[in-house]
Every structure is written in structure tokens, then in C-alpha cells.
Amino acid sequence: MAPRAIHHQAPTGALRAARQIEPDPTLRESVAELIDRETGLREILDLLEGIIAEAGDLIESRSPELVAHARTVIRIYGDESARQAE
């Protein structure tokens, strides 16, 4: 099996904020996780996923760019939130 490529994601808003708040790099991820949890990011992403699941075809027929952008946001921030929740 080939080694997995390293994939660097753009930092989330919470991680950027944590960098400004927390000088200790070892604590930044936990601060970012706290910011995400307190701002409701996970709930918003779940809601957006539900909307796309229920009405994605209707929305996509009118604005495919909007649905593509929403799926990209879910993929980027959803993956980051899932990693932080673990």
C-alpha cells in the first residue's frame, strides 16, 4: 500500500481565533474545539447536511453552484469538526 499523502486543510475560523487567544501551541486545538462547540458549528453543519439530503435535488436544479459550495463547506468543516470531536 502506498503511503498516504499529507493533506493540509486551511485552518478553520476557530483555529485562527485560537491562535490569537492561546499562546501555547499545545492548547490551541482544545481552544478551537471549544470555540466550535460553543458557536454551534457542528449543529449548523448537521442542519446543512439535512437540508441538502431533503431538498438537494430541488436546490441543485435552480442553483448547482450553491449546492456544490455547501457540500464543499460540509466536507472541509465537517471533517475538521469530526476530528476535533474525537
N, C-alpha and C. Protein backbone atom coordinates (compact mmCIF):
# COMPACT_ATOMS: atom_id res chain seq x y z
N MET A 1 0.84 -1.17 0.00
CA MET A 1 0.00 0.00 0.00
C MET A 1 0.89 1.24 0.00
N ALA A 2 0.54 2.19 -0.83
CA ALA A 2 1.31 3.43 -0.93
C ALA A 2 1.09 4.29 0.30
N PRO A 3 2.11 5.03 0.72
CA PRO A 3 1.91 5.92 1.87
C PRO A 3 0.86 6.98 1.57
N ARG A 4 0.11 7.30 2.59
CA ARG A 4 -0.95 8.31 2.44
C ARG A 4 -0.35 9.69 2.28
N ALA A 5 -0.87 10.44 1.32
CA ALA A 5 -0.41 11.80 1.09
C ALA A 5 -0.84 12.68 2.26
N ILE A 6 0.00 13.57 2.65
CA ILE A 6 -0.34 14.52 3.71
C ILE A 6 -1.24 15.59 3.11
N HIS A 7 -2.37 15.78 3.73
CA HIS A 7 -3.34 16.77 3.25
C HIS A 7 -3.48 17.85 4.29
N HIS A 8 -3.11 19.06 3.94
CA HIS A 8 -3.24 20.18 4.86
C HIS A 8 -4.49 20.96 4.50
N GLN A 9 -5.37 21.11 5.48
CA GLN A 9 -6.57 21.90 5.28
C GLN A 9 -6.31 23.31 5.76
N ALA A 10 -7.03 24.21 5.15
CA ALA A 10 -6.96 25.59 5.62
C ALA A 10 -7.50 25.61 7.04
N PRO A 11 -6.89 26.39 7.92
CA PRO A 11 -7.37 26.42 9.30
C PRO A 11 -8.80 26.98 9.37
N THR A 12 -9.58 26.39 10.26
CA THR A 12 -10.94 26.89 10.45
C THR A 12 -10.88 28.23 11.15
N GLY A 13 -11.99 28.92 11.15
CA GLY A 13 -12.06 30.19 11.86
C GLY A 13 -11.75 30.01 13.34
N ALA A 14 -12.20 28.89 13.91
CA ALA A 14 -11.94 28.63 15.32
C ALA A 14 -10.45 28.44 15.58
N LEU A 15 -9.77 27.76 14.69
CA LEU A 15 -8.33 27.56 14.88
C LEU A 15 -7.58 28.87 14.72
N ARG A 16 -8.01 29.70 13.77
CA ARG A 16 -7.38 31.01 13.62
C ARG A 16 -7.61 31.86 14.87
N ALA A 17 -8.81 31.79 15.43
CA ALA A 17 -9.09 32.54 16.65
C ALA A 17 -8.27 31.99 17.81
N ALA A 18 -8.16 30.68 17.89
CA ALA A 18 -7.38 30.07 18.97
C ALA A 18 -5.93 30.51 18.92
N ARG A 19 -5.40 30.68 17.73
CA ARG A 19 -4.02 31.16 17.60
C ARG A 19 -3.86 32.55 18.18
N GLN A 20 -4.90 33.36 18.07
CA GLN A 20 -4.86 34.72 18.62
C GLN A 20 -5.05 34.72 20.14
N ILE A 21 -5.82 33.76 20.64
CA ILE A 21 -6.17 33.71 22.06
C ILE A 21 -5.11 32.97 22.88
N GLU A 22 -4.69 31.82 22.37
CA GLU A 22 -3.84 30.93 23.15
C GLU A 22 -2.41 30.92 22.65
N PRO A 23 -1.47 31.43 23.45
CA PRO A 23 -0.08 31.45 23.00
C PRO A 23 0.58 30.05 23.01
N ASP A 24 0.06 29.14 23.81
CA ASP A 24 0.64 27.80 23.92
C ASP A 24 0.11 26.92 22.78
N PRO A 25 0.98 26.54 21.83
CA PRO A 25 0.52 25.75 20.67
C PRO A 25 -0.09 24.40 21.06
N THR A 26 0.30 23.84 22.20
CA THR A 26 -0.24 22.54 22.59
C THR A 26 -1.70 22.64 23.05
N LEU A 27 -2.16 23.84 23.37
CA LEU A 27 -3.54 24.02 23.83
C LEU A 27 -4.47 24.56 22.76
N ARG A 28 -3.93 24.94 21.62
CA ARG A 28 -4.75 25.61 20.60
C ARG A 28 -5.87 24.74 20.06
N GLU A 29 -5.62 23.46 19.84
CA GLU A 29 -6.67 22.60 19.30
C GLU A 29 -7.84 22.50 20.26
N SER A 30 -7.55 22.39 21.56
CA SER A 30 -8.66 22.30 22.52
C SER A 30 -9.43 23.62 22.59
N VAL A 31 -8.73 24.74 22.46
CA VAL A 31 -9.42 26.04 22.43
C VAL A 31 -10.28 26.14 21.17
N ALA A 32 -9.75 25.71 20.03
CA ALA A 32 -10.52 25.73 18.79
C ALA A 32 -11.76 24.84 18.90
N GLU A 33 -11.60 23.67 19.51
CA GLU A 33 -12.73 22.76 19.70
C GLU A 33 -13.80 23.41 20.57
N LEU A 34 -13.38 24.08 21.61
CA LEU A 34 -14.31 24.78 22.49
C LEU A 34 -15.06 25.88 21.74
N ILE A 35 -14.35 26.63 20.92
CA ILE A 35 -14.97 27.69 20.12
C ILE A 35 -16.00 27.09 19.17
N ASP A 36 -15.63 26.02 18.46
CA ASP A 36 -16.57 25.37 17.55
C ASP A 36 -17.81 24.88 18.29
N ARG A 37 -17.60 24.25 19.43
CA ARG A 37 -18.74 23.71 20.20
C ARG A 37 -19.64 24.84 20.69
N GLU A 38 -19.05 25.90 21.22
CA GLU A 38 -19.84 26.99 21.77
C GLU A 38 -20.53 27.82 20.70
N THR A 39 -19.98 27.85 19.50
CA THR A 39 -20.62 28.63 18.43
C THR A 39 -21.64 27.79 17.67
N GLY A 40 -21.72 26.51 17.96
CA GLY A 40 -22.71 25.66 17.32
C GLY A 40 -22.34 25.21 15.92
N LEU A 41 -21.06 25.21 15.57
CA LEU A 41 -20.65 24.83 14.22
C LEU A 41 -21.14 23.44 13.85
N ARG A 42 -21.00 22.47 14.75
CA ARG A 42 -21.42 21.10 14.44
C ARG A 42 -22.91 21.06 14.14
N GLU A 43 -23.71 21.77 14.93
CA GLU A 43 -25.16 21.78 14.71
C GLU A 43 -25.52 22.42 13.37
N ILE A 44 -24.83 23.48 13.03
CA ILE A 44 -25.07 24.14 11.74
C ILE A 44 -24.74 23.22 10.59
N LEU A 45 -23.61 22.52 10.69
CA LEU A 45 -23.22 21.58 9.63
C LEU A 45 -24.24 20.44 9.52
N ASP A 46 -24.70 19.93 10.66
CA ASP A 46 -25.72 18.87 10.62
C ASP A 46 -27.00 19.36 9.96
N LEU A 47 -27.38 20.59 10.28
CA LEU A 47 -28.58 21.18 9.68
C LEU A 47 -28.41 21.33 8.16
N LEU A 48 -27.25 21.82 7.75
CA LEU A 48 -26.98 21.99 6.32
C LEU A 48 -26.99 20.65 5.60
N GLU A 49 -26.40 19.62 6.22
CA GLU A 49 -26.44 18.28 5.62
C GLU A 49 -27.88 17.79 5.47
N GLY A 50 -28.70 18.05 6.48
CA GLY A 50 -30.10 17.64 6.42
C GLY A 50 -30.87 18.35 5.32
N ILE A 51 -30.63 19.63 5.16
CA ILE A 51 -31.30 20.40 4.10
C ILE A 51 -30.91 19.85 2.74
N ILE A 52 -29.64 19.58 2.54
CA ILE A 52 -29.19 19.05 1.25
C ILE A 52 -29.76 17.66 1.02
N ALA A 53 -29.83 16.85 2.07
CA ALA A 53 -30.38 15.50 1.93
C ALA A 53 -31.86 15.55 1.54
N GLU A 54 -32.60 16.48 2.13
CA GLU A 54 -34.04 16.57 1.88
C GLU A 54 -34.39 17.33 0.60
N ALA A 55 -33.68 18.40 0.33
CA ALA A 55 -34.07 19.28 -0.77
C ALA A 55 -32.93 19.53 -1.76
N GLY A 56 -31.89 18.74 -1.67
CA GLY A 56 -30.72 18.96 -2.54
C GLY A 56 -31.04 18.96 -4.01
N ASP A 57 -31.88 18.02 -4.46
CA ASP A 57 -32.22 17.96 -5.89
C ASP A 57 -32.96 19.21 -6.34
N LEU A 58 -33.90 19.67 -5.52
CA LEU A 58 -34.65 20.88 -5.86
C LEU A 58 -33.73 22.09 -5.91
N ILE A 59 -32.89 22.24 -4.89
CA ILE A 59 -31.97 23.37 -4.85
C ILE A 59 -30.98 23.28 -6.01
N GLU A 60 -30.48 22.08 -6.26
CA GLU A 60 -29.48 21.89 -7.32
C GLU A 60 -30.04 22.21 -8.70
N SER A 61 -31.34 21.97 -8.91
CA SER A 61 -31.92 22.29 -10.21
C SER A 61 -31.95 23.80 -10.45
N ARG A 62 -32.02 24.56 -9.38
CA ARG A 62 -32.04 26.02 -9.51
C ARG A 62 -30.66 26.65 -9.38
N SER A 63 -29.82 26.09 -8.52
CA SER A 63 -28.51 26.67 -8.28
C SER A 63 -27.49 25.58 -7.95
N PRO A 64 -26.97 24.91 -8.97
CA PRO A 64 -26.00 23.84 -8.72
C PRO A 64 -24.74 24.35 -8.01
N GLU A 65 -24.39 25.62 -8.26
CA GLU A 65 -23.19 26.18 -7.62
C GLU A 65 -23.39 26.27 -6.10
N LEU A 66 -24.59 26.61 -5.68
CA LEU A 66 -24.89 26.73 -4.26
C LEU A 66 -24.76 25.38 -3.56
N VAL A 67 -25.30 24.34 -4.16
CA VAL A 67 -25.21 23.01 -3.57
C VAL A 67 -23.77 22.53 -3.56
N ALA A 68 -23.04 22.78 -4.64
CA ALA A 68 -21.63 22.37 -4.68
C ALA A 68 -20.83 23.08 -3.59
N HIS A 69 -21.10 24.37 -3.41
CA HIS A 69 -20.40 25.13 -2.38
C HIS A 69 -20.77 24.60 -0.98
N ALA A 70 -22.04 24.32 -0.76
CA ALA A 70 -22.48 23.79 0.53
C ALA A 70 -21.82 22.45 0.82
N ARG A 71 -21.73 21.58 -0.17
CA ARG A 71 -21.08 20.28 0.02
C ARG A 71 -19.59 20.44 0.32
N THR A 72 -18.96 21.42 -0.31
CA THR A 72 -17.55 21.69 -0.04
C THR A 72 -17.37 22.15 1.40
N VAL A 73 -18.23 23.04 1.85
CA VAL A 73 -18.15 23.54 3.22
C VAL A 73 -18.34 22.39 4.21
N ILE A 74 -19.31 21.54 3.95
CA ILE A 74 -19.56 20.39 4.83
C ILE A 74 -18.34 19.49 4.87
N ARG A 75 -17.75 19.24 3.72
CA ARG A 75 -16.58 18.37 3.66
C ARG A 75 -15.40 18.97 4.43
N ILE A 76 -15.14 20.24 4.22
CA ILE A 76 -13.99 20.88 4.87
C ILE A 76 -14.20 21.01 6.37
N TYR A 77 -15.29 21.65 6.76
CA TYR A 77 -15.51 21.92 8.18
C TYR A 77 -16.06 20.71 8.92
N GLY A 78 -16.82 19.88 8.23
CA GLY A 78 -17.33 18.67 8.86
C GLY A 78 -16.22 17.71 9.22
N ASP A 79 -15.25 17.54 8.34
CA ASP A 79 -14.11 16.68 8.62
C ASP A 79 -13.32 17.22 9.79
N GLU A 80 -13.10 18.52 9.82
CA GLU A 80 -12.35 19.15 10.91
C GLU A 80 -13.09 19.01 12.22
N SER A 81 -14.40 19.20 12.22
CA SER A 81 -15.19 19.08 13.45
C SER A 81 -15.21 17.65 13.94
N ALA A 82 -15.32 16.70 13.02
CA ALA A 82 -15.33 15.30 13.41
C ALA A 82 -14.00 14.91 14.06
N ARG A 83 -12.90 15.38 13.50
CA ARG A 83 -11.58 15.10 14.08
C ARG A 83 -11.46 15.71 15.46
N GLN A 84 -11.95 16.92 15.64
CA GLN A 84 -11.84 17.59 16.93
C GLN A 84 -12.74 16.93 17.96
N ALA A 85 -13.86 16.38 17.53
CA ALA A 85 -14.79 15.73 18.46
C ALA A 85 -14.23 14.43 18.99
N GLU A 86 -13.35 13.79 18.25
CA GLU A 86 -12.76 12.51 18.67
C GLU A 86 -11.80 12.71 19.72
